[in-house]
Amino acid sequence: MAERVSRLSTEKAVVIFTRSQCPMCHTVSSLFAELGVCAAVHELDKDPRGRDMERELARRLGRAPPVPAVFVGGNLVGSTDKVMSLHLAGKLVPMLKAAGAIWL
């Protein structure tokens, strides 16, 4: 399952693993959309192998629940707290530009 998560996490400049009824997942996805990012979003509760991917993400993040799990440029950034901290510190947009997720 680690290989599947690794492959999916590099399919676009920004990849977000979520669950469909997760408020924090919606918040993070909305932030990226507002920044002009066209992220790949994988709803794990709608994937037949979603539970296995959740376990792998929990292992990588060191916490449960593992969603939202955000990857930028193929690198695991973290969950809501890390994404929001980067954004508030003015570091998220430069990271997105470096990954080719946004142009301006």
N, C-alpha and C. Protein backbone atom coordinates (compact mmCIF):
# COMPACT_ATOMS: atom_id res chain seq x y z
N MET A 1 0.82 -1.20 0.00
CA MET A 1 0.00 0.00 0.00
C MET A 1 0.86 1.26 0.00
N ALA A 2 2.06 1.16 0.55
CA ALA A 2 2.97 2.31 0.56
C ALA A 2 3.28 2.75 -0.86
N GLU A 3 3.43 1.79 -1.75
CA GLU A 3 3.72 2.11 -3.15
C GLU A 3 2.55 2.83 -3.81
N ARG A 4 1.33 2.41 -3.52
CA ARG A 4 0.14 3.06 -4.09
C ARG A 4 0.03 4.50 -3.59
N VAL A 5 0.23 4.71 -2.29
CA VAL A 5 0.17 6.07 -1.74
C VAL A 5 1.26 6.93 -2.38
N SER A 6 2.45 6.38 -2.52
CA SER A 6 3.56 7.13 -3.13
C SER A 6 3.24 7.49 -4.58
N ARG A 7 2.67 6.55 -5.31
CA ARG A 7 2.33 6.82 -6.71
C ARG A 7 1.25 7.89 -6.82
N LEU A 8 0.18 7.74 -6.03
CA LEU A 8 -0.91 8.72 -6.08
C LEU A 8 -0.45 10.10 -5.62
N SER A 9 0.47 10.15 -4.66
CA SER A 9 0.89 11.43 -4.09
C SER A 9 1.71 12.26 -5.06
N THR A 10 2.12 11.68 -6.18
CA THR A 10 2.92 12.42 -7.16
C THR A 10 2.18 12.66 -8.47
N GLU A 11 0.89 12.35 -8.53
CA GLU A 11 0.17 12.48 -9.80
C GLU A 11 -0.10 13.93 -10.20
N LYS A 12 -0.10 14.83 -9.24
CA LYS A 12 -0.25 16.27 -9.50
C LYS A 12 0.64 17.01 -8.53
N ALA A 13 0.78 18.32 -8.74
CA ALA A 13 1.63 19.12 -7.85
C ALA A 13 1.10 19.13 -6.42
N VAL A 14 -0.23 19.08 -6.26
CA VAL A 14 -0.84 19.00 -4.93
C VAL A 14 -1.82 17.84 -4.93
N VAL A 15 -1.66 16.98 -3.94
CA VAL A 15 -2.55 15.83 -3.77
C VAL A 15 -3.06 15.84 -2.34
N ILE A 16 -4.37 15.68 -2.20
CA ILE A 16 -4.99 15.69 -0.88
C ILE A 16 -5.78 14.40 -0.70
N PHE A 17 -5.45 13.67 0.36
CA PHE A 17 -6.21 12.48 0.72
C PHE A 17 -7.23 12.91 1.76
N THR A 18 -8.52 12.61 1.51
CA THR A 18 -9.60 13.08 2.36
C THR A 18 -10.60 11.96 2.65
N ARG A 19 -11.62 12.32 3.41
CA ARG A 19 -12.84 11.52 3.57
C ARG A 19 -13.99 12.45 3.21
N SER A 20 -15.03 11.90 2.62
CA SER A 20 -16.10 12.74 2.07
C SER A 20 -16.86 13.56 3.12
N GLN A 21 -16.99 13.10 4.34
CA GLN A 21 -17.74 13.83 5.36
C GLN A 21 -16.83 14.46 6.41
N CYS A 22 -15.65 14.88 6.01
CA CYS A 22 -14.66 15.43 6.94
C CYS A 22 -14.61 16.96 6.79
N PRO A 23 -15.05 17.71 7.81
CA PRO A 23 -15.04 19.17 7.71
C PRO A 23 -13.64 19.77 7.49
N MET A 24 -12.62 19.24 8.15
CA MET A 24 -11.26 19.77 7.98
C MET A 24 -10.74 19.47 6.57
N CYS A 25 -11.13 18.34 6.02
CA CYS A 25 -10.75 18.01 4.64
C CYS A 25 -11.34 19.04 3.69
N HIS A 26 -12.60 19.40 3.92
CA HIS A 26 -13.25 20.40 3.07
C HIS A 26 -12.55 21.76 3.21
N THR A 27 -12.18 22.11 4.43
CA THR A 27 -11.50 23.39 4.68
C THR A 27 -10.18 23.46 3.92
N VAL A 28 -9.38 22.40 4.02
CA VAL A 28 -8.07 22.38 3.35
C VAL A 28 -8.24 22.39 1.84
N SER A 29 -9.17 21.59 1.33
CA SER A 29 -9.42 21.56 -0.12
C SER A 29 -9.88 22.93 -0.62
N SER A 30 -10.73 23.60 0.16
CA SER A 30 -11.21 24.93 -0.20
C SER A 30 -10.08 25.95 -0.22
N LEU A 31 -9.18 25.87 0.74
CA LEU A 31 -8.04 26.79 0.78
C LEU A 31 -7.23 26.66 -0.51
N PHE A 32 -6.91 25.44 -0.90
CA PHE A 32 -6.12 25.26 -2.12
C PHE A 32 -6.87 25.75 -3.34
N ALA A 33 -8.18 25.51 -3.41
CA ALA A 33 -8.98 26.00 -4.54
C ALA A 33 -8.97 27.52 -4.58
N GLU A 34 -9.08 28.18 -3.43
CA GLU A 34 -9.05 29.64 -3.37
C GLU A 34 -7.70 30.20 -3.79
N LEU A 35 -6.64 29.43 -3.59
CA LEU A 35 -5.31 29.86 -4.01
C LEU A 35 -5.06 29.58 -5.49
N GLY A 36 -6.04 28.97 -6.16
CA GLY A 36 -5.90 28.69 -7.59
C GLY A 36 -5.24 27.37 -7.91
N VAL A 37 -5.19 26.48 -6.91
CA VAL A 37 -4.56 25.18 -7.10
C VAL A 37 -5.60 24.17 -7.57
N CYS A 38 -5.26 23.42 -8.59
CA CYS A 38 -6.11 22.33 -9.05
C CYS A 38 -5.52 21.04 -8.49
N ALA A 39 -5.93 20.71 -7.28
CA ALA A 39 -5.36 19.56 -6.57
C ALA A 39 -6.07 18.28 -6.98
N ALA A 40 -5.34 17.18 -6.90
CA ALA A 40 -5.96 15.85 -7.02
C ALA A 40 -6.47 15.50 -5.63
N VAL A 41 -7.73 15.16 -5.53
CA VAL A 41 -8.34 14.83 -4.24
C VAL A 41 -8.79 13.37 -4.27
N HIS A 42 -8.33 12.60 -3.30
CA HIS A 42 -8.70 11.19 -3.19
C HIS A 42 -9.53 11.00 -1.93
N GLU A 43 -10.81 10.68 -2.10
CA GLU A 43 -11.68 10.42 -0.96
C GLU A 43 -11.54 8.96 -0.58
N LEU A 44 -10.87 8.71 0.52
CA LEU A 44 -10.50 7.35 0.91
C LEU A 44 -11.70 6.49 1.26
N ASP A 45 -12.79 7.11 1.74
CA ASP A 45 -13.97 6.31 2.08
C ASP A 45 -14.72 5.84 0.83
N LYS A 46 -14.33 6.34 -0.33
CA LYS A 46 -14.96 5.91 -1.58
C LYS A 46 -14.05 5.02 -2.41
N ASP A 47 -12.88 4.68 -1.85
CA ASP A 47 -11.92 3.84 -2.55
C ASP A 47 -11.94 2.45 -1.91
N PRO A 48 -12.02 1.39 -2.72
CA PRO A 48 -12.05 0.05 -2.14
C PRO A 48 -10.82 -0.27 -1.28
N ARG A 49 -9.70 0.36 -1.56
CA ARG A 49 -8.49 0.15 -0.76
C ARG A 49 -8.20 1.32 0.18
N GLY A 50 -9.24 2.13 0.41
CA GLY A 50 -9.09 3.32 1.23
C GLY A 50 -8.63 3.07 2.65
N ARG A 51 -9.16 2.02 3.29
CA ARG A 51 -8.76 1.71 4.67
C ARG A 51 -7.26 1.41 4.76
N ASP A 52 -6.76 0.65 3.79
CA ASP A 52 -5.32 0.34 3.78
C ASP A 52 -4.50 1.60 3.56
N MET A 53 -4.98 2.49 2.68
CA MET A 53 -4.26 3.74 2.44
C MET A 53 -4.31 4.63 3.69
N GLU A 54 -5.44 4.62 4.41
CA GLU A 54 -5.53 5.39 5.65
C GLU A 54 -4.50 4.91 6.67
N ARG A 55 -4.34 3.59 6.78
CA ARG A 55 -3.34 3.05 7.71
C ARG A 55 -1.93 3.50 7.31
N GLU A 56 -1.64 3.49 6.02
CA GLU A 56 -0.32 3.92 5.55
C GLU A 56 -0.11 5.41 5.82
N LEU A 57 -1.13 6.21 5.58
CA LEU A 57 -1.02 7.65 5.84
C LEU A 57 -0.87 7.92 7.34
N ALA A 58 -1.59 7.17 8.17
CA ALA A 58 -1.47 7.34 9.63
C ALA A 58 -0.05 7.00 10.06
N ARG A 59 0.54 5.98 9.45
CA ARG A 59 1.92 5.62 9.78
C ARG A 59 2.86 6.76 9.40
N ARG A 60 2.66 7.33 8.21
CA ARG A 60 3.55 8.41 7.75
C ARG A 60 3.38 9.68 8.57
N LEU A 61 2.14 10.00 8.92
CA LEU A 61 1.87 11.21 9.69
C LEU A 61 2.15 11.04 11.18
N GLY A 62 2.11 9.79 11.63
CA GLY A 62 2.29 9.54 13.05
C GLY A 62 1.08 9.91 13.86
N ARG A 63 -0.09 9.88 13.24
CA ARG A 63 -1.32 10.24 13.94
C ARG A 63 -2.54 9.65 13.24
N ALA A 64 -3.60 9.55 13.98
CA ALA A 64 -4.88 9.13 13.42
C ALA A 64 -5.93 10.09 13.94
N PRO A 65 -6.93 10.45 13.17
CA PRO A 65 -7.12 10.06 11.77
C PRO A 65 -6.11 10.75 10.87
N PRO A 66 -5.79 10.11 9.76
CA PRO A 66 -4.74 10.64 8.89
C PRO A 66 -5.22 11.62 7.83
N VAL A 67 -6.49 12.03 7.89
CA VAL A 67 -6.98 12.94 6.85
C VAL A 67 -7.36 14.27 7.46
N PRO A 68 -7.20 15.35 6.71
CA PRO A 68 -6.61 15.38 5.38
C PRO A 68 -5.09 15.19 5.44
N ALA A 69 -4.58 14.54 4.43
CA ALA A 69 -3.13 14.39 4.27
C ALA A 69 -2.76 15.08 2.98
N VAL A 70 -1.90 16.09 3.07
CA VAL A 70 -1.56 16.93 1.93
C VAL A 70 -0.12 16.67 1.47
N PHE A 71 0.02 16.46 0.17
CA PHE A 71 1.32 16.31 -0.46
C PHE A 71 1.50 17.46 -1.43
N VAL A 72 2.65 18.09 -1.40
CA VAL A 72 2.99 19.16 -2.35
C VAL A 72 4.31 18.76 -3.01
N GLY A 73 4.29 18.68 -4.33
CA GLY A 73 5.49 18.27 -5.05
C GLY A 73 5.93 16.87 -4.69
N GLY A 74 4.98 16.02 -4.34
CA GLY A 74 5.29 14.64 -3.97
C GLY A 74 5.77 14.45 -2.54
N ASN A 75 5.90 15.55 -1.80
CA ASN A 75 6.37 15.48 -0.41
C ASN A 75 5.21 15.66 0.56
N LEU A 76 5.18 14.85 1.59
CA LEU A 76 4.14 14.96 2.59
C LEU A 76 4.33 16.25 3.39
N VAL A 77 3.33 17.13 3.32
CA VAL A 77 3.35 18.38 4.09
C VAL A 77 2.76 18.14 5.47
N GLY A 78 1.63 17.45 5.51
CA GLY A 78 0.97 17.16 6.77
C GLY A 78 -0.51 17.31 6.66
N SER A 79 -1.12 17.61 7.80
CA SER A 79 -2.57 17.74 7.87
C SER A 79 -2.96 19.21 8.01
N THR A 80 -4.18 19.43 8.44
CA THR A 80 -4.74 20.79 8.52
C THR A 80 -3.85 21.74 9.30
N ASP A 81 -3.39 21.32 10.47
CA ASP A 81 -2.59 22.22 11.31
C ASP A 81 -1.33 22.68 10.62
N LYS A 82 -0.65 21.79 9.95
CA LYS A 82 0.61 22.15 9.26
C LYS A 82 0.33 23.05 8.06
N VAL A 83 -0.70 22.72 7.28
CA VAL A 83 -1.04 23.52 6.11
C VAL A 83 -1.42 24.94 6.53
N MET A 84 -2.26 25.05 7.55
CA MET A 84 -2.69 26.38 8.00
C MET A 84 -1.53 27.17 8.59
N SER A 85 -0.64 26.50 9.32
CA SER A 85 0.54 27.18 9.88
C SER A 85 1.42 27.73 8.77
N LEU A 86 1.65 26.92 7.74
CA LEU A 86 2.45 27.38 6.61
C LEU A 86 1.79 28.57 5.91
N HIS A 87 0.48 28.49 5.75
CA HIS A 87 -0.25 29.58 5.07
C HIS A 87 -0.17 30.88 5.88
N LEU A 88 -0.41 30.78 7.17
CA LEU A 88 -0.38 31.97 8.01
C LEU A 88 1.03 32.57 8.11
N ALA A 89 2.04 31.75 7.98
CA ALA A 89 3.43 32.22 8.03
C ALA A 89 3.91 32.73 6.67
N GLY A 90 3.05 32.66 5.64
CA GLY A 90 3.44 33.12 4.31
C GLY A 90 4.35 32.16 3.57
N LYS A 91 4.38 30.90 3.99
CA LYS A 91 5.28 29.93 3.38
C LYS A 91 4.59 28.96 2.42
N LEU A 92 3.27 28.90 2.47
CA LEU A 92 2.55 27.95 1.62
C LEU A 92 2.59 28.34 0.15
N VAL A 93 2.32 29.59 -0.16
CA VAL A 93 2.30 30.04 -1.56
C VAL A 93 3.66 29.84 -2.23
N PRO A 94 4.77 30.23 -1.59
CA PRO A 94 6.07 29.96 -2.23
C PRO A 94 6.31 28.46 -2.46
N MET A 95 5.85 27.63 -1.53
CA MET A 95 5.99 26.18 -1.69
C MET A 95 5.18 25.71 -2.89
N LEU A 96 3.97 26.25 -3.05
CA LEU A 96 3.11 25.87 -4.18
C LEU A 96 3.72 26.34 -5.50
N LYS A 97 4.29 27.54 -5.51
CA LYS A 97 4.95 28.04 -6.72
C LYS A 97 6.13 27.17 -7.10
N ALA A 98 6.95 26.78 -6.11
CA ALA A 98 8.11 25.95 -6.37
C ALA A 98 7.72 24.58 -6.92
N ALA A 99 6.54 24.09 -6.51
CA ALA A 99 6.08 22.78 -6.99
C ALA A 99 5.35 22.87 -8.32
N GLY A 100 5.14 24.10 -8.81
CA GLY A 100 4.43 24.27 -10.08
C GLY A 100 2.91 24.17 -9.95
N ALA A 101 2.40 24.32 -8.73
CA ALA A 101 0.97 24.23 -8.51
C ALA A 101 0.25 25.53 -8.84
N ILE A 102 0.95 26.65 -8.70
CA ILE A 102 0.41 27.95 -9.09
C ILE A 102 1.51 28.72 -9.79
N TRP A 103 1.10 29.69 -10.59
CA TRP A 103 2.06 30.40 -11.43
C TRP A 103 2.30 31.83 -10.98
N LEU A 104 1.32 32.46 -10.35
CA LEU A 104 1.46 33.88 -10.01
C LEU A 104 1.87 34.07 -8.56
